[in-house]
Amino acid sequence: MAIKVILDEIMFKRKIKVTDLAANIDLTEANLSILKTGKARAIRFSTLEALCRELNCQPGDLLTFVADEIEEVELVHNNFESKKIAENSI
């Protein structure tokens, strides 16, 4: 499972450039680019707060959960097995 930053989509919708946003939230352009491209491994709450304040959004607008492909297959398999057991017990 992974949490992904979808800052690029919000920036595109708001028509704001990396240079402008970085200056407004006091973050380097390099660090903002890492967030924007989804390569960040972590984000500080203070950075998340500054982004939300500047972009007038909620943290959930900037972050999304993406399940790993293996995890999704396991969930489908477990769900199938549960249904099979339930049908057999009726």
Protein backbone atom coordinates (compact mmCIF):
# COMPACT_ATOMS: atom_id res chain seq x y z
CA MET A 1 0.00 0.00 0.00
CA ALA A 2 1.12 3.55 -0.62
CA ILE A 3 0.08 7.09 0.03
CA LYS A 4 0.59 9.23 -3.06
CA VAL A 5 0.82 13.01 -3.24
CA ILE A 6 -1.31 14.35 -6.10
CA LEU A 7 -0.09 17.92 -5.90
CA ASP A 8 0.44 18.16 -9.65
CA GLU A 9 -3.29 17.78 -10.31
CA ILE A 10 -4.24 20.49 -7.81
CA MET A 11 -1.57 22.85 -9.15
CA PHE A 12 -2.81 22.30 -12.71
CA LYS A 13 -6.41 23.01 -11.69
CA ARG A 14 -5.36 26.14 -9.77
CA LYS A 15 -3.02 27.22 -12.60
CA ILE A 16 -0.13 27.85 -10.22
CA LYS A 17 3.53 27.29 -11.07
CA VAL A 18 6.13 25.56 -8.93
CA THR A 19 8.13 28.77 -8.56
CA ASP A 20 5.12 30.75 -7.33
CA LEU A 21 3.86 28.09 -4.93
CA ALA A 22 7.34 27.42 -3.53
CA ALA A 23 7.85 31.12 -2.83
CA ASN A 24 4.41 31.45 -1.22
CA ILE A 25 4.93 28.56 1.21
CA ASP A 26 8.65 29.12 1.84
CA LEU A 27 9.79 25.81 0.35
CA THR A 28 12.58 25.28 -2.15
CA GLU A 29 11.54 24.62 -5.72
CA ALA A 30 13.52 21.38 -5.64
CA ASN A 31 11.60 20.05 -2.62
CA LEU A 32 8.27 21.16 -4.07
CA SER A 33 9.14 19.40 -7.34
CA ILE A 34 9.82 16.19 -5.41
CA LEU A 35 6.35 16.45 -3.88
CA LYS A 36 4.77 17.39 -7.21
CA THR A 37 6.25 14.42 -9.07
CA GLY A 38 5.20 11.96 -6.35
CA LYS A 39 8.77 11.00 -5.46
CA ALA A 40 8.55 12.17 -1.83
CA ARG A 41 8.85 9.49 0.84
CA ALA A 42 7.44 11.74 3.58
CA ILE A 43 5.86 15.15 4.11
CA ARG A 44 5.94 17.33 7.20
CA PHE A 45 2.63 18.39 8.65
CA SER A 46 3.83 22.01 8.51
CA THR A 47 4.42 21.64 4.75
CA LEU A 48 1.04 19.96 4.28
CA GLU A 49 -0.60 22.74 6.28
CA ALA A 50 1.12 25.44 4.20
CA LEU A 51 0.07 23.74 0.96
CA CYS A 52 -3.53 23.45 2.12
CA ARG A 53 -3.60 27.07 3.22
CA GLU A 54 -2.11 28.36 -0.03
CA LEU A 55 -4.16 26.10 -2.33
CA ASN A 56 -7.33 26.45 -0.26
CA CYS A 57 -7.83 22.71 0.01
CA GLN A 58 -7.93 19.84 2.50
CA PRO A 59 -5.14 17.28 3.08
CA GLY A 60 -7.34 14.64 1.43
CA ASP A 61 -7.29 16.71 -1.75
CA LEU A 62 -3.49 16.35 -1.89
CA LEU A 63 -3.11 12.75 -0.73
CA THR A 64 -4.55 9.51 -2.04
CA PHE A 65 -4.22 5.87 -1.00
CA VAL A 66 -3.17 3.35 -3.63
CA ALA A 67 -3.18 -0.34 -2.71
CA ASP A 68 -0.36 -2.49 -4.02
CA GLU A 69 -1.32 -4.80 -6.85
CA ILE A 70 -0.40 -7.87 -4.76
CA GLU A 71 -2.52 -6.60 -1.88
CA GLU A 72 -5.48 -6.07 -4.22
CA VAL A 73 -5.19 -9.63 -5.52
CA GLU A 74 -5.09 -10.95 -1.94
CA LEU A 75 -8.18 -8.92 -1.03
CA VAL A 76 -10.10 -10.26 -4.03
CA HIS A 77 -8.97 -13.80 -3.25
CA ASN A 78 -9.93 -13.49 0.44
CA ASN A 79 -13.30 -12.01 -0.49
CA PHE A 80 -13.92 -14.87 -2.93
CA GLU A 81 -12.95 -17.47 -0.31
CA SER A 82 -15.24 -15.83 2.27
CA LYS A 83 -18.17 -15.94 -0.16
CA LYS A 84 -17.41 -19.58 -1.00
CA ILE A 85 -17.38 -20.53 2.70
CA ALA A 86 -20.60 -18.58 3.31
CA GLU A 87 -22.35 -20.31 0.39
CA ASN A 88 -21.24 -23.74 1.59
CA SER A 89 -22.54 -23.13 5.10
CA ILE A 90 -26.07 -22.31 3.91
